């Protein structure tokens, strides 16, 4: 069993995390006060220590309730400093848990809601990253992400601004949001226009396994946000294994959103044993009361992952990260140097 400091030192990778989803209630209140904004009264529970968004509905209704709370939390942000602060805050916390690399999903749409254009938003995030990297050595890259329920025209605008302002930290293009809004084919133009080779898309979480196949074939992705419901289709599982598909698995998110009722029913272990190139993510950790350290601990405590297998999850993530070969090599060396 892994405990305490030995577990903290295990090199971890968060390959699926939404930047705005890392804002803690404490940080949201701090930013709201700084910006003279009154948060939505429904955003937090009576203690003010947790976001309140859950409903008693099915997975789709829970997702919609969560997405509203996500937008409400983001609405307290109004300036460049806010993005710098939440970036640094998460990277600092992740590094303390042994995380060596993070890929953030970032949203030009949410940046615009805050009042920042894409270039300003990237600059602010870079500021927070540089501060965290100087302290801990943690690495970070960004996935510019369209929001599915905002529609295909908005997605194409995100792709255009991404292509129009090349920044070395932005190494991938993705799609998040309500998987049941519009069709995957509606977003092919945005993926083709982004100019980025790194691609990932949310599929097979709130929607069924067929969306995984569509994302693969239409958007030409090999990394999939969640992908957990592929387990319902034996033929799809075989297809995904043959292309070395990478499911970005976020256990706490899936259970909080009622995609699965408990750890026993969740397919993380079955995915790994089947030979899929599984990686872990914290998704929106402040909304699901988790962290990347906790996701690794869940894999260990509830799914029986050994220290060797946890290191394999980290190795998988680094191998499939949207990052240059020099940094990839440095990160793999950190994993290889870990003493069991």
C-alpha atoms as a PDB file:
ATOM      1  CA  UNK A   1       0.000   0.000   0.000  1.00  0.00           C
ATOM      2  CA  UNK A   2       1.133   3.540  -0.765  1.00  0.00           C
ATOM      3  CA  UNK A   3       0.844   6.090   1.995  1.00  0.00           C
ATOM      4  CA  UNK A   4       1.808   9.652   2.841  1.00  0.00           C
ATOM      5  CA  UNK A   5       5.039  11.034   1.490  1.00  0.00           C
ATOM      6  CA  UNK A   6       5.783   8.031  -0.716  1.00  0.00           C
ATOM      7  CA  UNK A   7       2.483   8.517  -2.511  1.00  0.00           C
ATOM      8  CA  UNK A   8       2.943  12.274  -2.796  1.00  0.00           C
ATOM      9  CA  UNK A   9       6.326  11.819  -4.462  1.00  0.00           C
ATOM     10  CA  UNK A  10       4.951   9.504  -7.148  1.00  0.00           C
ATOM     11  CA  UNK A  11       5.103  11.493 -10.424  1.00  0.00           C
ATOM     12  CA  UNK A  12       1.584  12.269 -11.606  1.00  0.00           C
ATOM     13  CA  UNK A  13       0.138  13.819 -14.765  1.00  0.00           C
ATOM     14  CA  UNK A  14      -3.181  15.628 -15.187  1.00  0.00           C
ATOM     15  CA  UNK A  15      -4.054  15.297 -18.867  1.00  0.00           C
ATOM     16  CA  UNK A  16      -7.711  16.341 -18.603  1.00  0.00           C
ATOM     17  CA  UNK A  17      -8.508  19.454 -16.572  1.00  0.00           C
ATOM     18  CA  UNK A  18     -10.511  22.575 -17.420  1.00  0.00           C
ATOM     19  CA  UNK A  19      -8.800  25.732 -16.228  1.00  0.00           C
ATOM     20  CA  UNK A  20     -11.920  27.502 -14.975  1.00  0.00           C
ATOM     21  CA  UNK A  21     -12.965  24.249 -13.298  1.00  0.00           C
ATOM     22  CA  UNK A  22      -9.991  24.559 -10.944  1.00  0.00           C
ATOM     23  CA  UNK A  23     -11.225  27.795  -9.329  1.00  0.00           C
ATOM     24  CA  UNK A  24     -11.906  27.027  -5.680  1.00  0.00           C
ATOM     25  CA  UNK A  25     -14.797  28.573  -3.737  1.00  0.00           C
ATOM     26  CA  UNK A  26     -12.194  30.463  -1.694  1.00  0.00           C
ATOM     27  CA  UNK A  27     -10.563  31.833  -4.845  1.00  0.00           C
ATOM     28  CA  UNK A  28     -13.962  32.657  -6.373  1.00  0.00           C
ATOM     29  CA  UNK A  29     -14.859  34.725  -3.309  1.00  0.00           C
ATOM     30  CA  UNK A  30     -11.479  36.469  -3.351  1.00  0.00           C
ATOM     31  CA  UNK A  31     -11.799  37.345  -7.035  1.00  0.00           C
ATOM     32  CA  UNK A  32     -15.424  38.423  -6.655  1.00  0.00           C
ATOM     33  CA  UNK A  33     -14.457  40.785  -3.840  1.00  0.00           C
ATOM     34  CA  UNK A  34     -11.586  42.215  -5.852  1.00  0.00           C
ATOM     35  CA  UNK A  35     -13.878  42.798  -8.824  1.00  0.00           C
ATOM     36  CA  UNK A  36     -16.871  44.062  -6.812  1.00  0.00           C
ATOM     37  CA  UNK A  37     -19.007  41.210  -8.109  1.00  0.00           C
ATOM     38  CA  UNK A  38     -21.721  39.430  -6.144  1.00  0.00           C
ATOM     39  CA  UNK A  39     -21.669  35.706  -7.025  1.00  0.00           C
ATOM     40  CA  UNK A  40     -24.896  33.918  -7.823  1.00  0.00           C
ATOM     41  CA  UNK A  41     -26.613  33.051  -4.508  1.00  0.00           C
ATOM     42  CA  UNK A  42     -27.045  29.496  -5.806  1.00  0.00           C
ATOM     43  CA  UNK A  43     -23.342  28.992  -6.539  1.00  0.00           C
ATOM     44  CA  UNK A  44     -22.138  27.826  -3.109  1.00  0.00           C
ATOM     45  CA  UNK A  45     -23.601  25.886  -0.224  1.00  0.00           C
ATOM     46  CA  UNK A  46     -24.414  27.502   3.125  1.00  0.00           C
ATOM     47  CA  UNK A  47     -20.859  26.950   4.385  1.00  0.00           C
ATOM     48  CA  UNK A  48     -19.375  28.764   1.391  1.00  0.00           C
ATOM     49  CA  UNK A  49     -16.812  25.989   1.102  1.00  0.00           C
ATOM     50  CA  UNK A  50     -18.352  23.965  -1.736  1.00  0.00           C
ATOM     51  CA  UNK A  51     -19.961  24.725  -5.079  1.00  0.00           C
ATOM     52  CA  UNK A  52     -23.609  23.698  -5.211  1.00  0.00           C
ATOM     53  CA  UNK A  53     -24.801  22.428  -8.558  1.00  0.00           C
ATOM     54  CA  UNK A  54     -26.005  18.809  -8.298  1.00  0.00           C
ATOM     55  CA  UNK A  55     -29.510  17.737  -9.176  1.00  0.00           C
ATOM     56  CA  UNK A  56     -31.439  14.527  -8.668  1.00  0.00           C
ATOM     57  CA  UNK A  57     -31.861  13.907 -12.373  1.00  0.00           C
ATOM     58  CA  UNK A  58     -30.052  11.637 -14.804  1.00  0.00           C
ATOM     59  CA  UNK A  59     -26.530  12.172 -16.124  1.00  0.00           C
ATOM     60  CA  UNK A  60     -27.654  14.666 -18.755  1.00  0.00           C
ATOM     61  CA  UNK A  61     -29.600  16.843 -16.284  1.00  0.00           C
ATOM     62  CA  UNK A  62     -26.685  16.745 -13.853  1.00  0.00           C
ATOM     63  CA  UNK A  63     -24.327  17.818 -16.620  1.00  0.00           C
ATOM     64  CA  UNK A  64     -26.539  20.781 -17.534  1.00  0.00           C
ATOM     65  CA  UNK A  65     -26.754  21.838 -13.859  1.00  0.00           C
ATOM     66  CA  UNK A  66     -22.987  21.564 -13.524  1.00  0.00           C
ATOM     67  CA  UNK A  67     -22.327  23.567 -16.717  1.00  0.00           C
ATOM     68  CA  UNK A  68     -24.505  26.411 -15.388  1.00  0.00           C
ATOM     69  CA  UNK A  69     -22.586  26.462 -12.106  1.00  0.00           C
ATOM     70  CA  UNK A  70     -19.331  26.438 -14.078  1.00  0.00           C
ATOM     71  CA  UNK A  71     -20.439  29.547 -15.990  1.00  0.00           C
ATOM     72  CA  UNK A  72     -21.644  31.189 -12.761  1.00  0.00           C
ATOM     73  CA  UNK A  73     -18.265  30.624 -11.101  1.00  0.00           C
ATOM     74  CA  UNK A  74     -16.415  31.965 -14.131  1.00  0.00           C
ATOM     75  CA  UNK A  75     -18.594  35.100 -14.147  1.00  0.00           C
ATOM     76  CA  UNK A  76     -16.792  36.504 -11.074  1.00  0.00           C
ATOM     77  CA  UNK A  77     -13.634  36.852 -13.167  1.00  0.00           C
ATOM     78  CA  UNK A  78     -13.183  40.215 -14.876  1.00  0.00           C
ATOM     79  CA  UNK A  79      -9.486  40.869 -15.476  1.00  0.00           C
ATOM     80  CA  UNK A  80      -6.153  39.430 -16.591  1.00  0.00           C
ATOM     81  CA  UNK A  81      -4.959  38.982 -13.014  1.00  0.00           C
ATOM     82  CA  UNK A  82      -7.823  36.596 -12.326  1.00  0.00           C
ATOM     83  CA  UNK A  83      -6.621  34.137 -14.970  1.00  0.00           C
ATOM     84  CA  UNK A  84      -3.039  34.403 -13.733  1.00  0.00           C
ATOM     85  CA  UNK A  85      -4.158  33.703 -10.182  1.00  0.00           C
ATOM     86  CA  UNK A  86      -6.269  30.626 -10.916  1.00  0.00           C
ATOM     87  CA  UNK A  87      -3.537  29.178 -13.157  1.00  0.00           C
ATOM     88  CA  UNK A  88      -0.839  29.596 -10.527  1.00  0.00           C
ATOM     89  CA  UNK A  89      -3.130  28.395  -7.739  1.00  0.00           C
ATOM     90  CA  UNK A  90      -3.929  25.101  -9.449  1.00  0.00           C
ATOM     91  CA  UNK A  91      -0.390  24.403 -10.659  1.00  0.00           C
ATOM     92  CA  UNK A  92       0.974  25.144  -7.184  1.00  0.00           C
ATOM     93  CA  UNK A  93      -1.516  22.762  -5.567  1.00  0.00           C
ATOM     94  CA  UNK A  94      -0.932  20.067  -8.192  1.00  0.00           C
ATOM     95  CA  UNK A  95       2.852  20.259  -7.799  1.00  0.00           C
ATOM     96  CA  UNK A  96       2.478  19.763  -4.049  1.00  0.00           C
ATOM     97  CA  UNK A  97       0.762  16.442  -4.853  1.00  0.00           C
ATOM     98  CA  UNK A  98       3.614  15.298  -7.081  1.00  0.00           C
ATOM     99  CA  UNK A  99       2.150  16.388 -10.408  1.00  0.00           C
ATOM    100  CA  UNK A 100       4.867  17.057 -12.997  1.00  0.00           C
ATOM    101  CA  UNK A 101       2.751  17.987 -16.030  1.00  0.00           C
ATOM    102  CA  UNK A 102      -0.691  19.486 -16.673  1.00  0.00           C
ATOM    103  CA  UNK A 103      -2.674  20.060 -19.850  1.00  0.00           C
ATOM    104  CA  UNK A 104      -5.384  22.657 -19.363  1.00  0.00           C
ATOM    105  CA  UNK A 105      -8.461  22.916 -21.512  1.00  0.00           C
ATOM    106  CA  UNK A 106      -8.866  26.650 -22.072  1.00  0.00           C
ATOM    107  CA  UNK A 107     -11.842  28.464 -23.549  1.00  0.00           C
ATOM    108  CA  UNK A 108     -11.642  31.620 -25.630  1.00  0.00           C
ATOM    109  CA  UNK A 109     -15.409  31.886 -25.126  1.00  0.00           C
ATOM    110  CA  UNK A 110     -15.053  32.032 -21.348  1.00  0.00           C
ATOM    111  CA  UNK A 111     -12.154  34.451 -21.705  1.00  0.00           C
ATOM    112  CA  UNK A 112     -14.407  36.730 -23.738  1.00  0.00           C
ATOM    113  CA  UNK A 113     -17.075  36.516 -21.034  1.00  0.00           C
ATOM    114  CA  UNK A 114     -14.466  37.754 -18.568  1.00  0.00           C
ATOM    115  CA  UNK A 115     -13.586  40.614 -20.896  1.00  0.00           C
ATOM    116  CA  UNK A 116     -10.261  39.297 -22.214  1.00  0.00           C
ATOM    117  CA  UNK A 117      -9.444  38.658 -25.826  1.00  0.00           C
ATOM    118  CA  UNK A 118      -7.641  35.416 -26.658  1.00  0.00           C
ATOM    119  CA  UNK A 119      -4.156  36.932 -26.692  1.00  0.00           C
ATOM    120  CA  UNK A 120      -4.667  38.594 -23.284  1.00  0.00           C
ATOM    121  CA  UNK A 121      -6.036  35.381 -21.820  1.00  0.00           C
ATOM    122  CA  UNK A 122      -3.056  33.336 -23.025  1.00  0.00           C
ATOM    123  CA  UNK A 123      -0.667  35.960 -21.651  1.00  0.00           C
ATOM    124  CA  UNK A 124      -2.359  35.855 -18.265  1.00  0.00           C
ATOM    125  CA  UNK A 125      -2.243  32.055 -18.118  1.00  0.00           C
ATOM    126  CA  UNK A 126       1.420  32.103 -19.148  1.00  0.00           C
ATOM    127  CA  UNK A 127       2.183  34.493 -16.284  1.00  0.00           C
ATOM    128  CA  UNK A 128       0.663  32.107 -13.742  1.00  0.00           C
ATOM    129  CA  UNK A 129       2.493  29.168 -15.284  1.00  0.00           C
ATOM    130  CA  UNK A 130       5.891  30.851 -15.225  1.00  0.00           C
ATOM    131  CA  UNK A 131       5.489  31.666 -11.538  1.00  0.00           C
ATOM    132  CA  UNK A 132       4.525  28.084 -10.699  1.00  0.00           C
ATOM    133  CA  UNK A 133       7.252  26.578 -12.888  1.00  0.00           C
ATOM    134  CA  UNK A 134       9.903  28.737 -11.219  1.00  0.00           C
ATOM    135  CA  UNK A 135       8.827  27.410  -7.818  1.00  0.00           C
ATOM    136  CA  UNK A 136       8.324  23.719  -8.555  1.00  0.00           C
ATOM    137  CA  UNK A 137       9.454  22.888 -12.095  1.00  0.00           C
ATOM    138  CA  UNK A 138       5.929  21.822 -13.097  1.00  0.00           C
ATOM    139  CA  UNK A 139       5.267  21.863 -16.851  1.00  0.00           C
ATOM    140  CA  UNK A 140       2.042  22.949 -18.543  1.00  0.00           C
ATOM    141  CA  UNK A 141       0.549  23.095 -22.023  1.00  0.00           C
ATOM    142  CA  UNK A 142      -2.834  24.342 -23.234  1.00  0.00           C
ATOM    143  CA  UNK A 143      -5.626  22.904 -25.375  1.00  0.00           C
ATOM    144  CA  UNK A 144      -7.736  25.596 -27.002  1.00  0.00           C
ATOM    145  CA  UNK A 145     -11.257  24.271 -26.660  1.00  0.00           C
ATOM    146  CA  UNK A 146     -14.579  24.977 -28.306  1.00  0.00           C
ATOM    147  CA  UNK A 147     -17.749  24.499 -26.273  1.00  0.00           C
ATOM    148  CA  UNK A 148     -20.171  22.164 -28.001  1.00  0.00           C
ATOM    149  CA  UNK A 149     -23.398  23.675 -26.672  1.00  0.00           C
ATOM    150  CA  UNK A 150     -22.290  27.138 -27.831  1.00  0.00           C
ATOM    151  CA  UNK A 151     -22.664  25.850 -31.375  1.00  0.00           C
ATOM    152  CA  UNK A 152     -20.565  25.218 -34.501  1.00  0.00           C
ATOM    153  CA  UNK A 153     -20.267  28.893 -35.496  1.00  0.00           C
ATOM    154  CA  UNK A 154     -18.775  29.777 -32.116  1.00  0.00           C
ATOM    155  CA  UNK A 155     -16.466  26.769 -32.437  1.00  0.00           C
ATOM    156  CA  UNK A 156     -15.194  27.989 -35.791  1.00  0.00           C
ATOM    157  CA  UNK A 157     -14.476  31.407 -34.263  1.00  0.00           C
ATOM    158  CA  UNK A 158     -12.428  29.716 -31.528  1.00  0.00           C
ATOM    159  CA  UNK A 159     -10.490  27.813 -34.176  1.00  0.00           C
ATOM    160  CA  UNK A 160      -9.870  31.032 -36.120  1.00  0.00           C
ATOM    161  CA  UNK A 161      -8.504  32.962 -33.126  1.00  0.00           C
ATOM    162  CA  UNK A 162      -6.390  29.959 -32.138  1.00  0.00           C
ATOM    163  CA  UNK A 163      -4.843  29.750 -35.595  1.00  0.00           C
ATOM    164  CA  UNK A 164      -4.515  33.525 -35.792  1.00  0.00           C
ATOM    165  CA  UNK A 165      -2.405  33.833 -32.655  1.00  0.00           C
ATOM    166  CA  UNK A 166       0.201  31.117 -32.433  1.00  0.00           C
ATOM    167  CA  UNK A 167       1.594  30.648 -28.945  1.00  0.00           C
ATOM    168  CA  UNK A 168       4.073  27.895 -28.034  1.00  0.00           C
ATOM    169  CA  UNK A 169       2.076  26.871 -24.953  1.00  0.00           C
ATOM    170  CA  UNK A 170      -1.054  26.167 -27.035  1.00  0.00           C
ATOM    171  CA  UNK A 171      -0.384  22.737 -28.497  1.00  0.00           C
ATOM    172  CA  UNK A 172      -3.809  21.201 -29.018  1.00  0.00           C
ATOM    173  CA  UNK A 173      -7.416  21.803 -30.018  1.00  0.00           C
ATOM    174  CA  UNK A 174     -10.382  20.202 -28.284  1.00  0.00           C
ATOM    175  CA  UNK A 175     -14.117  20.171 -27.752  1.00  0.00           C
ATOM    176  CA  UNK A 176     -15.964  20.118 -24.410  1.00  0.00           C
ATOM    177  CA  UNK A 177     -19.495  20.881 -23.223  1.00  0.00           C
ATOM    178  CA  UNK A 178     -22.815  19.119 -23.638  1.00  0.00           C
ATOM    179  CA  UNK A 179     -22.180  16.027 -25.764  1.00  0.00           C
ATOM    180  CA  UNK A 180     -25.798  15.921 -26.880  1.00  0.00           C
ATOM    181  CA  UNK A 181     -25.819  19.396 -28.435  1.00  0.00           C
ATOM    182  CA  UNK A 182     -25.608  19.495 -32.248  1.00  0.00           C
ATOM    183  CA  UNK A 183     -23.789  16.704 -34.110  1.00  0.00           C
ATOM    184  CA  UNK A 184     -20.098  15.885 -34.116  1.00  0.00           C
ATOM    185  CA  UNK A 185     -19.999  16.501 -37.854  1.00  0.00           C
ATOM    186  CA  UNK A 186     -21.017  20.125 -37.192  1.00  0.00           C
ATOM    187  CA  UNK A 187     -17.630  20.676 -35.537  1.00  0.00           C
ATOM    188  CA  UNK A 188     -15.373  19.127 -38.155  1.00  0.00           C
ATOM    189  CA  UNK A 189     -14.759  22.535 -39.833  1.00  0.00           C
ATOM    190  CA  UNK A 190     -13.479  23.952 -36.538  1.00  0.00           C
ATOM    191  CA  UNK A 191     -11.100  21.052 -35.955  1.00  0.00           C
ATOM    192  CA  UNK A 192      -9.775  21.285 -39.493  1.00  0.00           C
ATOM    193  CA  UNK A 193      -9.348  25.072 -39.214  1.00  0.00           C
ATOM    194  CA  UNK A 194      -7.460  25.154 -35.918  1.00  0.00           C
ATOM    195  CA  UNK A 195      -4.097  24.420 -37.491  1.00  0.00           C
ATOM    196  CA  UNK A 196      -3.093  22.200 -34.543  1.00  0.00           C
ATOM    197  CA  UNK A 197      -2.116  18.560 -34.854  1.00  0.00           C
ATOM    198  CA  UNK A 198      -2.943  17.737 -31.234  1.00  0.00           C
ATOM    199  CA  UNK A 199      -6.658  16.920 -31.025  1.00  0.00           C
ATOM    200  CA  UNK A 200      -9.007  15.598 -28.378  1.00  0.00           C
ATOM    201  CA  UNK A 201     -12.767  15.652 -27.968  1.00  0.00           C
ATOM    202  CA  UNK A 202     -15.205  14.843 -25.176  1.00  0.00           C
ATOM    203  CA  UNK A 203     -17.211  11.782 -26.168  1.00  0.00           C
ATOM    204  CA  UNK A 204     -18.758   8.740 -24.556  1.00  0.00           C
ATOM    205  CA  UNK A 205     -19.623  10.347 -21.218  1.00  0.00           C
ATOM    206  CA  UNK A 206     -23.102  11.917 -21.222  1.00  0.00           C
ATOM    207  CA  UNK A 207     -23.676  10.387 -24.651  1.00  0.00           C
ATOM    208  CA  UNK A 208     -23.345   6.769 -25.726  1.00  0.00           C
ATOM    209  CA  UNK A 209     -20.512   4.820 -27.340  1.00  0.00           C
ATOM    210  CA  UNK A 210     -21.456   5.806 -30.894  1.00  0.00           C
ATOM    211  CA  UNK A 211     -20.229   9.347 -30.221  1.00  0.00           C
ATOM    212  CA  UNK A 212     -16.756   7.919 -29.551  1.00  0.00           C
ATOM    213  CA  UNK A 213     -16.733   6.295 -32.972  1.00  0.00           C
ATOM    214  CA  UNK A 214     -17.981   9.530 -34.570  1.00  0.00           C
ATOM    215  CA  UNK A 215     -15.355  11.670 -32.840  1.00  0.00           C
ATOM    216  CA  UNK A 216     -12.652   9.280 -33.989  1.00  0.00           C
ATOM    217  CA  UNK A 217     -13.779   9.074 -37.603  1.00  0.00           C
ATOM    218  CA  UNK A 218     -15.059  12.608 -38.195  1.00  0.00           C
ATOM    219  CA  UNK A 219     -12.716  14.691 -36.050  1.00  0.00           C
ATOM    220  CA  UNK A 220      -9.722  12.380 -36.483  1.00  0.00           C
ATOM    221  CA  UNK A 221      -8.856  12.182 -32.804  1.00  0.00           C
ATOM    222  CA  UNK A 222      -7.042   9.440 -30.924  1.00  0.00           C
ATOM    223  CA  UNK A 223      -7.388  11.039 -27.503  1.00  0.00           C
ATOM    224  CA  UNK A 224     -10.892  11.129 -26.062  1.00  0.00           C
ATOM    225  CA  UNK A 225     -12.262  13.085 -23.133  1.00  0.00           C
ATOM    226  CA  UNK A 226     -13.744  10.397 -20.866  1.00  0.00           C
ATOM    227  CA  UNK A 227     -14.680   7.706 -23.472  1.00  0.00           C
ATOM    228  CA  UNK A 228     -15.939   5.557 -20.598  1.00  0.00           C
ATOM    229  CA  UNK A 229     -19.159   4.456 -22.277  1.00  0.00           C
ATOM    230  CA  UNK A 230     -17.170   2.727 -25.003  1.00  0.00           C
ATOM    231  CA  UNK A 231     -17.297  -0.206 -22.562  1.00  0.00           C
ATOM    232  CA  UNK A 232     -20.906  -0.747 -23.698  1.00  0.00           C
ATOM    233  CA  UNK A 233     -19.806  -1.700 -27.242  1.00  0.00           C
ATOM    234  CA  UNK A 234     -17.480  -4.706 -27.579  1.00  0.00           C
ATOM    235  CA  UNK A 235     -16.670  -4.018 -31.234  1.00  0.00           C
ATOM    236  CA  UNK A 236     -15.855  -0.374 -30.460  1.00  0.00           C
ATOM    237  CA  UNK A 237     -13.509  -1.478 -27.689  1.00  0.00           C
ATOM    238  CA  UNK A 238     -11.660  -3.665 -30.178  1.00  0.00           C
ATOM    239  CA  UNK A 239     -11.482  -0.789 -32.657  1.00  0.00           C
ATOM    240  CA  UNK A 240     -10.204   1.602 -30.010  1.00  0.00           C
ATOM    241  CA  UNK A 241      -7.526  -0.796 -28.859  1.00  0.00           C
ATOM    242  CA  UNK A 242      -6.335  -1.272 -32.442  1.00  0.00           C
ATOM    243  CA  UNK A 243      -5.682   2.481 -32.844  1.00  0.00           C
ATOM    244  CA  UNK A 244      -4.064   2.783 -29.386  1.00  0.00           C
ATOM    245  CA  UNK A 245      -6.890   5.070 -28.287  1.00  0.00           C
ATOM    246  CA  UNK A 246      -6.243   7.209 -25.228  1.00  0.00           C
ATOM    247  CA  UNK A 247      -9.197   7.556 -22.837  1.00  0.00           C
ATOM    248  CA  UNK A 248      -8.760  10.582 -20.549  1.00  0.00           C
ATOM    249  CA  UNK A 249     -10.513   9.053 -17.532  1.00  0.00           C
ATOM    250  CA  UNK A 250     -11.887  11.232 -14.708  1.00  0.00           C
ATOM    251  CA  UNK A 251     -13.414   8.887 -12.141  1.00  0.00           C
ATOM    252  CA  UNK A 252     -14.704  11.437  -9.603  1.00  0.00           C
ATOM    253  CA  UNK A 253     -16.322  13.483 -12.369  1.00  0.00           C
ATOM    254  CA  UNK A 254     -18.077  10.432 -13.809  1.00  0.00           C
ATOM    255  CA  UNK A 255     -19.498   9.460 -10.421  1.00  0.00           C
ATOM    256  CA  UNK A 256     -20.475  13.022  -9.436  1.00  0.00           C
ATOM    257  CA  UNK A 257     -22.322  13.422 -12.722  1.00  0.00           C
ATOM    258  CA  UNK A 258     -23.960   9.998 -12.248  1.00  0.00           C
ATOM    259  CA  UNK A 259     -22.528   8.451 -15.382  1.00  0.00           C
ATOM    260  CA  UNK A 260     -21.733   5.587 -12.973  1.00  0.00           C
ATOM    261  CA  UNK A 261     -23.231   5.086  -9.520  1.00  0.00           C
ATOM    262  CA  UNK A 262     -20.067   3.856  -7.792  1.00  0.00           C
ATOM    263  CA  UNK A 263     -16.461   2.739  -8.181  1.00  0.00           C
ATOM    264  CA  UNK A 264     -17.451  -0.894  -8.671  1.00  0.00           C
ATOM    265  CA  UNK A 265     -19.372  -0.124 -11.855  1.00  0.00           C
ATOM    266  CA  UNK A 266     -16.773   2.264 -13.309  1.00  0.00           C
ATOM    267  CA  UNK A 267     -14.696   0.807 -16.184  1.00  0.00           C
ATOM    268  CA  UNK A 268     -11.270   2.276 -15.294  1.00  0.00           C
ATOM    269  CA  UNK A 269      -9.753  -1.061 -14.324  1.00  0.00           C
ATOM    270  CA  UNK A 270     -11.351  -2.882 -17.244  1.00  0.00           C
ATOM    271  CA  UNK A 271      -9.992  -0.276 -19.664  1.00  0.00           C
ATOM    272  CA  UNK A 272      -6.468  -0.674 -18.317  1.00  0.00           C
ATOM    273  CA  UNK A 273      -6.559  -4.478 -18.264  1.00  0.00           C
ATOM    274  CA  UNK A 274      -7.970  -4.527 -21.798  1.00  0.00           C
ATOM    275  CA  UNK A 275      -4.891  -2.711 -23.037  1.00  0.00           C
ATOM    276  CA  UNK A 276      -6.220   0.777 -23.693  1.00  0.00           C
ATOM    277  CA  UNK A 277      -3.702   3.554 -23.117  1.00  0.00           C
ATOM    278  CA  UNK A 278      -5.459   4.971 -20.062  1.00  0.00           C
ATOM    279  CA  UNK A 279      -4.563   8.344 -18.549  1.00  0.00           C
ATOM    280  CA  UNK A 280      -6.109  10.192 -15.604  1.00  0.00           C
ATOM    281  CA  UNK A 281      -7.564  13.672 -15.240  1.00  0.00           C
ATOM    282  CA  UNK A 282      -9.176  15.736 -12.499  1.00  0.00           C
ATOM    283  CA  UNK A 283     -11.623  17.351 -14.987  1.00  0.00           C
ATOM    284  CA  UNK A 284     -13.177  20.146 -12.882  1.00  0.00           C
ATOM    285  CA  UNK A 285     -11.644  19.356  -9.502  1.00  0.00           C
ATOM    286  CA  UNK A 286     -13.199  22.160  -7.479  1.00  0.00           C
ATOM    287  CA  UNK A 287     -16.697  21.129  -8.525  1.00  0.00           C
ATOM    288  CA  UNK A 288     -16.146  17.414  -7.928  1.00  0.00           C
ATOM    289  CA  UNK A 289     -14.179  17.731  -4.660  1.00  0.00           C
ATOM    290  CA  UNK A 290     -11.103  16.072  -6.106  1.00  0.00           C
ATOM    291  CA  UNK A 291      -7.542  16.680  -7.281  1.00  0.00           C
ATOM    292  CA  UNK A 292      -5.119  14.809  -9.488  1.00  0.00           C
ATOM    293  CA  UNK A 293      -3.556  13.326  -6.358  1.00  0.00           C
ATOM    294  CA  UNK A 294      -6.942  12.075  -5.253  1.00  0.00           C
ATOM    295  CA  UNK A 295      -7.617  10.530  -8.683  1.00  0.00           C
ATOM    296  CA  UNK A 296      -4.395   8.515  -8.435  1.00  0.00           C
ATOM    297  CA  UNK A 297      -5.310   7.551  -4.867  1.00  0.00           C
ATOM    298  CA  UNK A 298      -8.742   6.377  -6.033  1.00  0.00           C
ATOM    299  CA  UNK A 299      -7.090   4.256  -8.730  1.00  0.00           C
ATOM    300  CA  UNK A 300      -4.886   2.721  -6.027  1.00  0.00           C
ATOM    301  CA  UNK A 301      -7.452   2.295  -3.257  1.00  0.00           C
ATOM    302  CA  UNK A 302     -10.581   1.372  -5.211  1.00  0.00           C
ATOM    303  CA  UNK A 303      -9.282  -0.188  -8.444  1.00  0.00           C
ATOM    304  CA  UNK A 304      -6.205  -1.969  -7.133  1.00  0.00           C
ATOM    305  CA  UNK A 305      -3.603  -0.141  -9.197  1.00  0.00           C
ATOM    306  CA  UNK A 306      -0.110  -0.951  -7.970  1.00  0.00           C
ATOM    307  CA  UNK A 307       2.671   1.609  -7.796  1.00  0.00           C
ATOM    308  CA  UNK A 308       4.070   0.185 -11.050  1.00  0.00           C
ATOM    309  CA  UNK A 309       0.679   0.529 -12.732  1.00  0.00           C
ATOM    310  CA  UNK A 310       0.234   4.097 -11.474  1.00  0.00           C
ATOM    311  CA  UNK A 311       3.609   4.971 -12.954  1.00  0.00           C
ATOM    312  CA  UNK A 312       2.421   3.401 -16.211  1.00  0.00           C
ATOM    313  CA  UNK A 313      -0.583   5.749 -16.200  1.00  0.00           C
ATOM    314  CA  UNK A 314       1.832   8.682 -15.849  1.00  0.00           C
ATOM    315  CA  UNK A 315       4.053   7.283 -18.595  1.00  0.00           C
ATOM    316  CA  UNK A 316       1.027   6.848 -20.872  1.00  0.00           C
ATOM    317  CA  UNK A 317       0.071  10.472 -20.300  1.00  0.00           C
ATOM    318  CA  UNK A 318       3.525  11.847 -21.042  1.00  0.00           C
ATOM    319  CA  UNK A 319       3.836   9.709 -24.161  1.00  0.00           C
ATOM    320  CA  UNK A 320       0.492  11.025 -25.442  1.00  0.00           C
ATOM    321  CA  UNK A 321       0.840  14.622 -24.237  1.00  0.00           C
ATOM    322  CA  UNK A 322       0.719  17.463 -26.739  1.00  0.00           C
ATOM    323  CA  UNK A 323       4.251  18.556 -25.922  1.00  0.00           C
ATOM    324  CA  UNK A 324       7.625  18.810 -27.674  1.00  0.00           C
ATOM    325  CA  UNK A 325      10.014  15.890 -27.629  1.00  0.00           C
ATOM    326  CA  UNK A 326      12.633  17.602 -25.434  1.00  0.00           C
ATOM    327  CA  UNK A 327      10.154  18.213 -22.595  1.00  0.00           C
ATOM    328  CA  UNK A 328       8.584  14.790 -23.128  1.00  0.00           C
ATOM    329  CA  UNK A 329      11.980  13.209 -22.616  1.00  0.00           C
ATOM    330  CA  UNK A 330      12.587  15.207 -19.429  1.00  0.00           C
ATOM    331  CA  UNK A 331       9.224  14.147 -18.017  1.00  0.00           C
ATOM    332  CA  UNK A 332       9.795  10.476 -18.872  1.00  0.00           C
ATOM    333  CA  UNK A 333      13.169  10.709 -17.124  1.00  0.00           C
ATOM    334  CA  UNK A 334      11.420  12.000 -13.971  1.00  0.00           C
ATOM    335  CA  UNK A 335       9.083   9.016 -14.026  1.00  0.00           C
ATOM    336  CA  UNK A 336      11.931   6.575 -14.665  1.00  0.00           C
ATOM    337  CA  UNK A 337      13.936   8.080 -11.797  1.00  0.00           C
ATOM    338  CA  UNK A 338      11.163   7.493  -9.245  1.00  0.00           C
ATOM    339  CA  UNK A 339      12.290   5.091  -6.544  1.00  0.00           C
ATOM    340  CA  UNK A 340       9.766   2.383  -5.706  1.00  0.00           C
END
